[in-house]
C-alpha atoms as a PDB file:
ATOM      1  CA  UNK A   1      11.805  37.702  22.017  1.00  0.00           C
ATOM      2  CA  UNK A   2      12.032  36.989  18.604  1.00  0.00           C
ATOM      3  CA  UNK A   3      15.124  35.400  19.904  1.00  0.00           C
ATOM      4  CA  UNK A   4      13.542  33.053  22.686  1.00  0.00           C
ATOM      5  CA  UNK A   5      10.726  31.921  20.174  1.00  0.00           C
ATOM      6  CA  UNK A   6      13.118  30.579  17.800  1.00  0.00           C
ATOM      7  CA  UNK A   7      14.664  28.616  21.180  1.00  0.00           C
ATOM      8  CA  UNK A   8      11.619  27.652  21.820  1.00  0.00           C
ATOM      9  CA  UNK A   9      10.220  26.770  18.240  1.00  0.00           C
ATOM     10  CA  UNK A  10      14.065  24.361  17.632  1.00  0.00           C
ATOM     11  CA  UNK A  11      13.712  22.890  20.832  1.00  0.00           C
ATOM     12  CA  UNK A  12      10.211  21.967  19.944  1.00  0.00           C
ATOM     13  CA  UNK A  13      11.097  20.842  16.535  1.00  0.00           C
ATOM     14  CA  UNK A  14      14.810  19.008  17.309  1.00  0.00           C
ATOM     15  CA  UNK A  15      13.415  15.223  18.996  1.00  0.00           C
ATOM     16  CA  UNK A  16      11.411  15.541  14.999  1.00  0.00           C
ATOM     17  CA  UNK A  17      14.125  17.027  13.412  1.00  0.00           C
ATOM     18  CA  UNK A  18      16.676  14.054  15.445  1.00  0.00           C
ATOM     19  CA  UNK A  19      14.278  10.867  14.447  1.00  0.00           C
ATOM     20  CA  UNK A  20      14.460  11.642  10.943  1.00  0.00           C
ATOM     21  CA  UNK A  21      17.979  12.119  10.233  1.00  0.00           C
ATOM     22  CA  UNK A  22      19.007   9.144  11.756  1.00  0.00           C
ATOM     23  CA  UNK A  23      16.308   6.721  10.693  1.00  0.00           C
ATOM     24  CA  UNK A  24      15.392   8.488   7.096  1.00  0.00           C
ATOM     25  CA  UNK A  25      18.331  10.626   5.961  1.00  0.00           C
ATOM     26  CA  UNK A  26      21.515   9.063   6.918  1.00  0.00           C
ATOM     27  CA  UNK A  27      19.887   5.223   6.115  1.00  0.00           C
ATOM     28  CA  UNK A  28      18.996   6.947   2.408  1.00  0.00           C
ATOM     29  CA  UNK A  29      22.252   9.126   1.512  1.00  0.00           C
ATOM     30  CA  UNK A  30      24.297   5.220   2.572  1.00  0.00           C
ATOM     31  CA  UNK A  31      21.830   3.637   0.440  1.00  0.00           C
ATOM     32  CA  UNK A  32      22.614   6.700  -2.355  1.00  0.00           C
ATOM     33  CA  UNK A  33      26.096   5.824  -1.552  1.00  0.00           C
ATOM     34  CA  UNK A  34      26.277   2.025  -2.039  1.00  0.00           C
ATOM     35  CA  UNK A  35      24.332   2.343  -5.100  1.00  0.00           C
ATOM     36  CA  UNK A  36      27.165   3.997  -6.549  1.00  0.00           C
ATOM     37  CA  UNK A  37      29.856   1.371  -5.211  1.00  0.00           C
ATOM     38  CA  UNK A  38      30.895  -1.428  -7.217  1.00  0.00           C
ATOM     39  CA  UNK A  39      30.111  -4.900  -6.858  1.00  0.00           C
ATOM     40  CA  UNK A  40      33.317  -7.795  -5.267  1.00  0.00           C
ATOM     41  CA  UNK A  41      34.847 -10.067  -6.607  1.00  0.00           C
ATOM     42  CA  UNK A  42      32.408 -12.620  -4.481  1.00  0.00           C
ATOM     43  CA  UNK A  43      30.228 -10.234  -4.339  1.00  0.00           C
ATOM     44  CA  UNK A  44      29.176  -7.621  -1.478  1.00  0.00           C
ATOM     45  CA  UNK A  45      30.835  -4.463  -1.949  1.00  0.00           C
ATOM     46  CA  UNK A  46      34.437  -3.445  -3.364  1.00  0.00           C
ATOM     47  CA  UNK A  47      36.116  -0.944  -2.829  1.00  0.00           C
ATOM     48  CA  UNK A  48      35.638   1.779  -5.941  1.00  0.00           C
ATOM     49  CA  UNK A  49      32.853   3.382  -6.983  1.00  0.00           C
ATOM     50  CA  UNK A  50      31.198   2.340 -10.254  1.00  0.00           C
ATOM     51  CA  UNK A  51      28.121   3.077 -12.716  1.00  0.00           C
ATOM     52  CA  UNK A  52      26.936  -0.354 -13.446  1.00  0.00           C
ATOM     53  CA  UNK A  53      24.515  -0.805 -10.789  1.00  0.00           C
ATOM     54  CA  UNK A  54      22.947   2.211 -11.878  1.00  0.00           C
ATOM     55  CA  UNK A  55      23.021   1.601 -15.605  1.00  0.00           C
ATOM     56  CA  UNK A  56      21.599  -2.098 -14.903  1.00  0.00           C
ATOM     57  CA  UNK A  57      18.248  -0.648 -14.521  1.00  0.00           C
ATOM     58  CA  UNK A  58      17.611   0.312 -17.010  1.00  0.00           C
ATOM     59  CA  UNK A  59      17.660  -3.526 -18.260  1.00  0.00           C
ATOM     60  CA  UNK A  60      14.252  -4.625 -20.159  1.00  0.00           C
ATOM     61  CA  UNK A  61      14.169  -6.747 -16.559  1.00  0.00           C
ATOM     62  CA  UNK A  62      13.938  -4.536 -14.699  1.00  0.00           C
ATOM     63  CA  UNK A  63      11.311  -2.522 -16.833  1.00  0.00           C
ATOM     64  CA  UNK A  64       8.881  -4.936 -16.728  1.00  0.00           C
ATOM     65  CA  UNK A  65       9.349  -6.243 -13.016  1.00  0.00           C
ATOM     66  CA  UNK A  66       8.359  -2.208 -12.120  1.00  0.00           C
ATOM     67  CA  UNK A  67       5.561  -1.844 -14.342  1.00  0.00           C
ATOM     68  CA  UNK A  68       4.090  -5.533 -12.629  1.00  0.00           C
ATOM     69  CA  UNK A  69       4.887  -3.868  -9.620  1.00  0.00           C
ATOM     70  CA  UNK A  70       3.122  -0.678 -10.389  1.00  0.00           C
ATOM     71  CA  UNK A  71       0.354  -2.157 -12.044  1.00  0.00           C
ATOM     72  CA  UNK A  72      -0.435  -4.338  -9.176  1.00  0.00           C
ATOM     73  CA  UNK A  73       0.055  -2.240  -6.138  1.00  0.00           C
ATOM     74  CA  UNK A  74      -2.509   0.293  -8.241  1.00  0.00           C
ATOM     75  CA  UNK A  75      -5.425  -2.474  -8.966  1.00  0.00           C
ATOM     76  CA  UNK A  76      -4.415  -3.535  -5.559  1.00  0.00           C
ATOM     77  CA  UNK A  77      -5.223  -0.086  -3.965  1.00  0.00           C
ATOM     78  CA  UNK A  78      -7.948   0.367  -5.703  1.00  0.00           C
ATOM     79  CA  UNK A  79      -9.927  -2.748  -5.290  1.00  0.00           C
ATOM     80  CA  UNK A  80      -9.082  -2.313  -1.431  1.00  0.00           C
ATOM     81  CA  UNK A  81     -10.764   0.707  -1.535  1.00  0.00           C
ATOM     82  CA  UNK A  82     -13.728  -0.636  -3.182  1.00  0.00           C
ATOM     83  CA  UNK A  83     -13.804  -3.276  -0.280  1.00  0.00           C
ATOM     84  CA  UNK A  84     -13.111  -0.853   2.134  1.00  0.00           C
ATOM     85  CA  UNK A  85     -15.383   2.569   1.438  1.00  0.00           C
ATOM     86  CA  UNK A  86     -18.794   0.638   2.019  1.00  0.00           C
ATOM     87  CA  UNK A  87     -17.322  -2.190   5.146  1.00  0.00           C
ATOM     88  CA  UNK A  88     -16.547   1.212   6.560  1.00  0.00           C
ATOM     89  CA  UNK A  89     -19.506   3.265   6.165  1.00  0.00           C
ATOM     90  CA  UNK A  90     -21.906   0.029   7.063  1.00  0.00           C
ATOM     91  CA  UNK A  91     -19.784  -0.192   9.969  1.00  0.00           C
ATOM     92  CA  UNK A  92     -19.924   3.393  10.994  1.00  0.00           C
ATOM     93  CA  UNK A  93     -23.670   3.584  10.370  1.00  0.00           C
ATOM     94  CA  UNK A  94     -24.834  -0.011  12.208  1.00  0.00           C
ATOM     95  CA  UNK A  95     -26.000   0.015  16.385  1.00  0.00           C
ATOM     96  CA  UNK A  96     -22.933  -0.036  19.154  1.00  0.00           C
ATOM     97  CA  UNK A  97     -22.814  -3.373  19.593  1.00  0.00           C
ATOM     98  CA  UNK A  98     -22.646  -4.400  15.982  1.00  0.00           C
ATOM     99  CA  UNK A  99     -19.973  -1.579  15.608  1.00  0.00           C
ATOM    100  CA  UNK A 100     -18.063  -3.305  18.409  1.00  0.00           C
ATOM    101  CA  UNK A 101     -18.505  -6.697  16.908  1.00  0.00           C
ATOM    102  CA  UNK A 102     -17.291  -5.825  13.302  1.00  0.00           C
ATOM    103  CA  UNK A 103     -14.277  -4.018  14.615  1.00  0.00           C
ATOM    104  CA  UNK A 104     -13.101  -6.686  16.112  1.00  0.00           C
ATOM    105  CA  UNK A 105     -13.689  -9.163  13.773  1.00  0.00           C
ATOM    106  CA  UNK A 106     -11.728  -7.032  11.743  1.00  0.00           C
ATOM    107  CA  UNK A 107      -9.122  -6.200  13.855  1.00  0.00           C
ATOM    108  CA  UNK A 108      -8.611  -9.693  15.217  1.00  0.00           C
ATOM    109  CA  UNK A 109      -7.207 -11.845  12.404  1.00  0.00           C
ATOM    110  CA  UNK A 110      -4.554  -8.786  12.097  1.00  0.00           C
ATOM    111  CA  UNK A 111      -3.184 -10.653  15.608  1.00  0.00           C
ATOM    112  CA  UNK A 112      -1.924 -13.931  14.132  1.00  0.00           C
ATOM    113  CA  UNK A 113       1.933 -14.033  12.556  1.00  0.00           C
ATOM    114  CA  UNK A 114       1.432 -12.679   9.143  1.00  0.00           C
ATOM    115  CA  UNK A 115       3.188 -15.736   7.058  1.00  0.00           C
ATOM    116  CA  UNK A 116       0.670 -18.033   9.108  1.00  0.00           C
ATOM    117  CA  UNK A 117      -2.020 -16.186   7.101  1.00  0.00           C
ATOM    118  CA  UNK A 118      -0.210 -16.087   3.579  1.00  0.00           C
ATOM    119  CA  UNK A 119       0.313 -20.169   4.512  1.00  0.00           C
ATOM    120  CA  UNK A 120      -3.216 -20.654   4.902  1.00  0.00           C
ATOM    121  CA  UNK A 121      -4.367 -18.913   1.669  1.00  0.00           C
ATOM    122  CA  UNK A 122      -1.649 -20.811   0.182  1.00  0.00           C
ATOM    123  CA  UNK A 123      -3.371 -24.352   1.495  1.00  0.00           C
ATOM    124  CA  UNK A 124      -6.383 -22.441   0.222  1.00  0.00           C
ATOM    125  CA  UNK A 125      -5.645 -21.642  -2.897  1.00  0.00           C
ATOM    126  CA  UNK A 126      -3.600 -24.908  -3.629  1.00  0.00           C
ATOM    127  CA  UNK A 127      -4.809 -27.618  -6.705  1.00  0.00           C
ATOM    128  CA  UNK A 128      -6.215 -30.147  -4.025  1.00  0.00           C
ATOM    129  CA  UNK A 129      -7.361 -27.546  -1.286  1.00  0.00           C
ATOM    130  CA  UNK A 130     -10.443 -26.896  -0.471  1.00  0.00           C
ATOM    131  CA  UNK A 131     -11.643 -23.953  -2.729  1.00  0.00           C
ATOM    132  CA  UNK A 132     -10.660 -25.764  -6.190  1.00  0.00           C
ATOM    133  CA  UNK A 133     -12.539 -28.607  -4.924  1.00  0.00           C
ATOM    134  CA  UNK A 134     -16.052 -26.615  -4.489  1.00  0.00           C
ATOM    135  CA  UNK A 135     -15.264 -25.000  -7.691  1.00  0.00           C
ATOM    136  CA  UNK A 136     -14.699 -27.499  -9.463  1.00  0.00           C
ATOM    137  CA  UNK A 137     -17.505 -29.881  -8.099  1.00  0.00           C
ATOM    138  CA  UNK A 138     -20.007 -26.812  -8.843  1.00  0.00           C
ATOM    139  CA  UNK A 139     -18.601 -26.996 -12.504  1.00  0.00           C
ATOM    140  CA  UNK A 140     -16.940 -23.090 -12.110  1.00  0.00           C
ATOM    141  CA  UNK A 141     -13.689 -24.214 -13.006  1.00  0.00           C
ATOM    142  CA  UNK A 142     -12.290 -26.685 -15.051  1.00  0.00           C
ATOM    143  CA  UNK A 143      -9.775 -29.726 -13.603  1.00  0.00           C
ATOM    144  CA  UNK A 144      -6.433 -27.382 -15.701  1.00  0.00           C
ATOM    145  CA  UNK A 145      -7.601 -24.154 -13.721  1.00  0.00           C
ATOM    146  CA  UNK A 146      -5.125 -23.153 -11.669  1.00  0.00           C
ATOM    147  CA  UNK A 147      -5.985 -20.779  -8.418  1.00  0.00           C
ATOM    148  CA  UNK A 148      -2.306 -20.756  -7.111  1.00  0.00           C
ATOM    149  CA  UNK A 149       0.412 -19.508  -8.672  1.00  0.00           C
ATOM    150  CA  UNK A 150      -0.383 -16.172 -10.877  1.00  0.00           C
ATOM    151  CA  UNK A 151      -1.435 -12.110 -10.295  1.00  0.00           C
ATOM    152  CA  UNK A 152      -5.185 -13.260  -9.326  1.00  0.00           C
ATOM    153  CA  UNK A 153      -3.612 -15.087  -6.029  1.00  0.00           C
ATOM    154  CA  UNK A 154      -1.046 -12.154  -5.444  1.00  0.00           C
ATOM    155  CA  UNK A 155      -3.422  -9.637  -5.355  1.00  0.00           C
ATOM    156  CA  UNK A 156      -5.818 -11.894  -3.403  1.00  0.00           C
ATOM    157  CA  UNK A 157      -3.809 -12.049  -0.680  1.00  0.00           C
ATOM    158  CA  UNK A 158      -2.865  -8.671  -0.752  1.00  0.00           C
ATOM    159  CA  UNK A 159      -6.212  -7.514  -0.743  1.00  0.00           C
ATOM    160  CA  UNK A 160      -7.045  -9.661   2.400  1.00  0.00           C
ATOM    161  CA  UNK A 161      -4.039  -8.712   4.287  1.00  0.00           C
ATOM    162  CA  UNK A 162      -4.323  -5.063   3.911  1.00  0.00           C
ATOM    163  CA  UNK A 163      -7.504  -4.713   4.204  1.00  0.00           C
ATOM    164  CA  UNK A 164      -7.851  -3.156   7.350  1.00  0.00           C
ATOM    165  CA  UNK A 165      -5.636  -0.700   7.144  1.00  0.00           C
ATOM    166  CA  UNK A 166      -7.776   0.845   4.918  1.00  0.00           C
ATOM    167  CA  UNK A 167     -11.183  -0.201   6.510  1.00  0.00           C
ATOM    168  CA  UNK A 168      -9.952   1.594  10.120  1.00  0.00           C
ATOM    169  CA  UNK A 169      -9.298   5.081   9.012  1.00  0.00           C
ATOM    170  CA  UNK A 170     -12.624   5.301   6.730  1.00  0.00           C
ATOM    171  CA  UNK A 171     -14.590   4.580   9.502  1.00  0.00           C
ATOM    172  CA  UNK A 172     -12.965   6.868  11.560  1.00  0.00           C
ATOM    173  CA  UNK A 173     -13.568   9.692   9.070  1.00  0.00           C
ATOM    174  CA  UNK A 174     -17.217   8.128   8.350  1.00  0.00           C
ATOM    175  CA  UNK A 175     -18.103   8.737  12.123  1.00  0.00           C
ATOM    176  CA  UNK A 176     -16.541  12.286  12.133  1.00  0.00           C
ATOM    177  CA  UNK A 177     -18.884  12.897   9.451  1.00  0.00           C
ATOM    178  CA  UNK A 178     -21.911  14.956   9.770  1.00  0.00           C
ATOM    179  CA  UNK A 179     -24.720  12.615   8.879  1.00  0.00           C
ATOM    180  CA  UNK A 180     -27.346  15.387   8.904  1.00  0.00           C
ATOM    181  CA  UNK A 181     -25.627  16.378   4.877  1.00  0.00           C
ATOM    182  CA  UNK A 182     -26.771  13.275   3.706  1.00  0.00           C
ATOM    183  CA  UNK A 183     -30.031  13.940   5.035  1.00  0.00           C
ATOM    184  CA  UNK A 184     -30.092  16.923   3.521  1.00  0.00           C
ATOM    185  CA  UNK A 185     -28.541  15.991   0.224  1.00  0.00           C
ATOM    186  CA  UNK A 186     -31.655  13.945   0.692  1.00  0.00           C
ATOM    187  CA  UNK A 187     -34.121  16.087   1.489  1.00  0.00           C
ATOM    188  CA  UNK A 188     -33.122  18.562  -1.788  1.00  0.00           C
ATOM    189  CA  UNK A 189     -33.386  15.732  -4.476  1.00  0.00           C
ATOM    190  CA  UNK A 190     -30.530  13.843  -4.361  1.00  0.00           C
ATOM    191  CA  UNK A 191     -31.132   9.843  -4.733  1.00  0.00           C
ATOM    192  CA  UNK A 192     -28.894   7.351  -1.535  1.00  0.00           C
ATOM    193  CA  UNK A 193     -26.479   6.739  -4.440  1.00  0.00           C
ATOM    194  CA  UNK A 194     -25.896  10.904  -5.705  1.00  0.00           C
ATOM    195  CA  UNK A 195     -26.109  11.565  -1.917  1.00  0.00           C
ATOM    196  CA  UNK A 196     -23.096   8.912  -1.180  1.00  0.00           C
ATOM    197  CA  UNK A 197     -20.533  10.111  -3.904  1.00  0.00           C
ATOM    198  CA  UNK A 198     -21.364  13.919  -3.528  1.00  0.00           C
ATOM    199  CA  UNK A 199     -21.655  14.538  -0.494  1.00  0.00           C
ATOM    200  CA  UNK A 200     -20.218  11.462   1.578  1.00  0.00           C
ATOM    201  CA  UNK A 201     -17.524  10.700  -0.357  1.00  0.00           C
ATOM    202  CA  UNK A 202     -15.888  13.900  -0.210  1.00  0.00           C
ATOM    203  CA  UNK A 203     -16.509  14.244   3.582  1.00  0.00           C
ATOM    204  CA  UNK A 204     -14.403  11.433   4.414  1.00  0.00           C
ATOM    205  CA  UNK A 205     -11.599  12.295   1.621  1.00  0.00           C
ATOM    206  CA  UNK A 206      -9.035  12.785   4.235  1.00  0.00           C
ATOM    207  CA  UNK A 207      -9.825   9.005   5.493  1.00  0.00           C
ATOM    208  CA  UNK A 208     -10.045   7.753   1.989  1.00  0.00           C
ATOM    209  CA  UNK A 209      -5.816   9.393   1.965  1.00  0.00           C
ATOM    210  CA  UNK A 210      -5.091   7.746   4.456  1.00  0.00           C
ATOM    211  CA  UNK A 211      -6.139   4.384   3.868  1.00  0.00           C
ATOM    212  CA  UNK A 212      -4.566   4.894   0.427  1.00  0.00           C
ATOM    213  CA  UNK A 213      -0.753   6.050   2.355  1.00  0.00           C
ATOM    214  CA  UNK A 214      -1.425   2.972   4.496  1.00  0.00           C
ATOM    215  CA  UNK A 215      -1.627   0.450   1.648  1.00  0.00           C
ATOM    216  CA  UNK A 216      -0.399   1.365  -1.349  1.00  0.00           C
ATOM    217  CA  UNK A 217       3.041   1.711   0.299  1.00  0.00           C
ATOM    218  CA  UNK A 218       3.096  -1.963   1.830  1.00  0.00           C
ATOM    219  CA  UNK A 219       2.248  -2.706  -2.057  1.00  0.00           C
ATOM    220  CA  UNK A 220       4.717  -1.610  -3.484  1.00  0.00           C
ATOM    221  CA  UNK A 221       7.572  -2.840  -1.432  1.00  0.00           C
ATOM    222  CA  UNK A 222       5.176  -6.435  -0.988  1.00  0.00           C
ATOM    223  CA  UNK A 223       8.056  -9.460  -1.262  1.00  0.00           C
ATOM    224  CA  UNK A 224       6.552 -12.337   1.212  1.00  0.00           C
ATOM    225  CA  UNK A 225       3.125 -12.313  -0.959  1.00  0.00           C
ATOM    226  CA  UNK A 226       4.174 -12.349  -4.208  1.00  0.00           C
ATOM    227  CA  UNK A 227       7.424 -15.167  -3.638  1.00  0.00           C
ATOM    228  CA  UNK A 228       4.792 -17.968  -1.887  1.00  0.00           C
ATOM    229  CA  UNK A 229       1.428 -17.257  -3.873  1.00  0.00           C
ATOM    230  CA  UNK A 230       2.766 -15.613  -6.493  1.00  0.00           C
ATOM    231  CA  UNK A 231       4.375 -18.017  -9.724  1.00  0.00           C
ATOM    232  CA  UNK A 232       7.386 -16.799 -12.411  1.00  0.00           C
ATOM    233  CA  UNK A 233       5.239 -14.008 -13.535  1.00  0.00           C
ATOM    234  CA  UNK A 234       3.940 -12.421 -10.365  1.00  0.00           C
ATOM    235  CA  UNK A 235       7.468 -11.154  -9.653  1.00  0.00           C
ATOM    236  CA  UNK A 236       7.799  -7.676  -7.890  1.00  0.00           C
ATOM    237  CA  UNK A 237      10.127  -4.967  -7.209  1.00  0.00           C
ATOM    238  CA  UNK A 238      10.550  -6.543  -3.710  1.00  0.00           C
ATOM    239  CA  UNK A 239      11.193  -9.970  -5.067  1.00  0.00           C
ATOM    240  CA  UNK A 240      13.965  -9.130  -6.551  1.00  0.00           C
ATOM    241  CA  UNK A 241      16.261  -6.832  -4.469  1.00  0.00           C
ATOM    242  CA  UNK A 242      15.533 -10.059  -1.916  1.00  0.00           C
ATOM    243  CA  UNK A 243      17.247 -11.774  -5.233  1.00  0.00           C
ATOM    244  CA  UNK A 244      20.184  -9.717  -5.187  1.00  0.00           C
ATOM    245  CA  UNK A 245      20.595  -9.051  -1.885  1.00  0.00           C
ATOM    246  CA  UNK A 246      20.764 -12.839  -0.325  1.00  0.00           C
ATOM    247  CA  UNK A 247      21.080 -15.112  -3.766  1.00  0.00           C
ATOM    248  CA  UNK A 248      23.656 -13.175  -5.659  1.00  0.00           C
ATOM    249  CA  UNK A 249      25.016 -11.032  -3.658  1.00  0.00           C
ATOM    250  CA  UNK A 250      24.880  -8.143  -5.487  1.00  0.00           C
ATOM    251  CA  UNK A 251      24.340  -5.375  -2.653  1.00  0.00           C
ATOM    252  CA  UNK A 252      25.200  -2.354  -5.197  1.00  0.00           C
ATOM    253  CA  UNK A 253      22.660  -3.717  -7.265  1.00  0.00           C
ATOM    254  CA  UNK A 254      20.027  -4.141  -4.807  1.00  0.00           C
ATOM    255  CA  UNK A 255      20.904  -0.353  -3.659  1.00  0.00           C
ATOM    256  CA  UNK A 256      19.855   0.776  -6.415  1.00  0.00           C
ATOM    257  CA  UNK A 257      16.699  -0.858  -7.418  1.00  0.00           C
ATOM    258  CA  UNK A 258      15.766   0.089  -3.753  1.00  0.00           C
ATOM    259  CA  UNK A 259      15.932   3.386  -4.494  1.00  0.00           C
ATOM    260  CA  UNK A 260      14.105   2.639  -7.704  1.00  0.00           C
ATOM    261  CA  UNK A 261      11.227   1.671  -5.013  1.00  0.00           C
ATOM    262  CA  UNK A 262      11.208   4.568  -3.760  1.00  0.00           C
ATOM    263  CA  UNK A 263      11.117   6.631  -6.678  1.00  0.00           C
ATOM    264  CA  UNK A 264       8.389   4.614  -8.281  1.00  0.00           C
ATOM    265  CA  UNK A 265       6.174   4.685  -4.203  1.00  0.00           C
ATOM    266  CA  UNK A 266       6.944   8.701  -4.378  1.00  0.00           C
ATOM    267  CA  UNK A 267       6.230   9.888  -7.704  1.00  0.00           C
ATOM    268  CA  UNK A 268       2.454   8.284  -7.515  1.00  0.00           C
ATOM    269  CA  UNK A 269       1.703   9.752  -4.170  1.00  0.00           C
ATOM    270  CA  UNK A 270       3.079  12.711  -4.557  1.00  0.00           C
ATOM    271  CA  UNK A 271       1.264  13.250  -7.882  1.00  0.00           C
ATOM    272  CA  UNK A 272      -1.785  12.162  -5.404  1.00  0.00           C
ATOM    273  CA  UNK A 273      -1.229  15.128  -3.089  1.00  0.00           C
ATOM    274  CA  UNK A 274      -1.030  17.111  -5.437  1.00  0.00           C
ATOM    275  CA  UNK A 275      -4.650  16.343  -6.630  1.00  0.00           C
ATOM    276  CA  UNK A 276      -5.986  16.397  -2.920  1.00  0.00           C
ATOM    277  CA  UNK A 277      -4.182  19.639  -2.380  1.00  0.00           C
ATOM    278  CA  UNK A 278      -5.891  21.360  -5.576  1.00  0.00           C
ATOM    279  CA  UNK A 279      -8.839  19.939  -4.847  1.00  0.00           C
ATOM    280  CA  UNK A 280      -8.829  20.672  -1.349  1.00  0.00           C
ATOM    281  CA  UNK A 281      -7.985  24.377  -2.375  1.00  0.00           C
ATOM    282  CA  UNK A 282     -11.188  23.937  -5.124  1.00  0.00           C
ATOM    283  CA  UNK A 283     -13.101  23.647  -1.776  1.00  0.00           C
ATOM    284  CA  UNK A 284     -12.498  26.369  -0.246  1.00  0.00           C
ATOM    285  CA  UNK A 285     -12.572  28.576  -2.752  1.00  0.00           C
ATOM    286  CA  UNK A 286     -16.162  27.722  -3.224  1.00  0.00           C
ATOM    287  CA  UNK A 287     -16.958  28.062   0.536  1.00  0.00           C
ATOM    288  CA  UNK A 288     -15.800  31.584   0.288  1.00  0.00           C
ATOM    289  CA  UNK A 289     -17.433  32.196  -2.668  1.00  0.00           C
END
């Protein structure tokens, strides 16, 4: 029976194992091998092996780009959550008709082309665009103010682009949340704000965690948005990888930068999962006690 159980378990996990091996493990091994290859004389890969691409990661320029990438992604993720949580809460508490209408308004823009939406923001934030004229007319900004080609424009467009991916999982968790717990907290003396932070947010923590995963990873690998609306000081790791691949044809260094991006993405998510797991264990322990 034990042997039969092991065979059944293996058959169930085999498709997932094959999928992860073919599409994740093998590409990761190839990427690591490419990072240790020698650069060809005219670009591409050479015949030998070298550590030059690995050593290039420790340059000051790559360090600055890495810090900027992590910082912009963290700020964008935090601001996205600040917008997504109250929006999802409001949608979940609204009437069924209004709820469907708001969900349609959130989802439908995502059906259009990603590039078209980014270019629309580029035109909207242009020095001769409508937003600049409006703000300048009412003296909110000076004529010398530039709304485009800076970190603020990158953050704005990234948040707009991925905000639906944060709202939807939080909305799903909010819809499943037991509203009687919120009302019980109010009856026990909590204000609505205290009940929101002490009861509602812990109750939808799984939805918040999913939202963080769905937005932080794309933010870290962003390439198109910083390239179109960012300036020379808004370069992120995705832009540098694209430059090494398409312009300089330095494939080993592009591979090493890709490894750096993967590590820089995995480490914060790992610590976040550890903190979340510890909070979940403490919650279970309190319930047992």
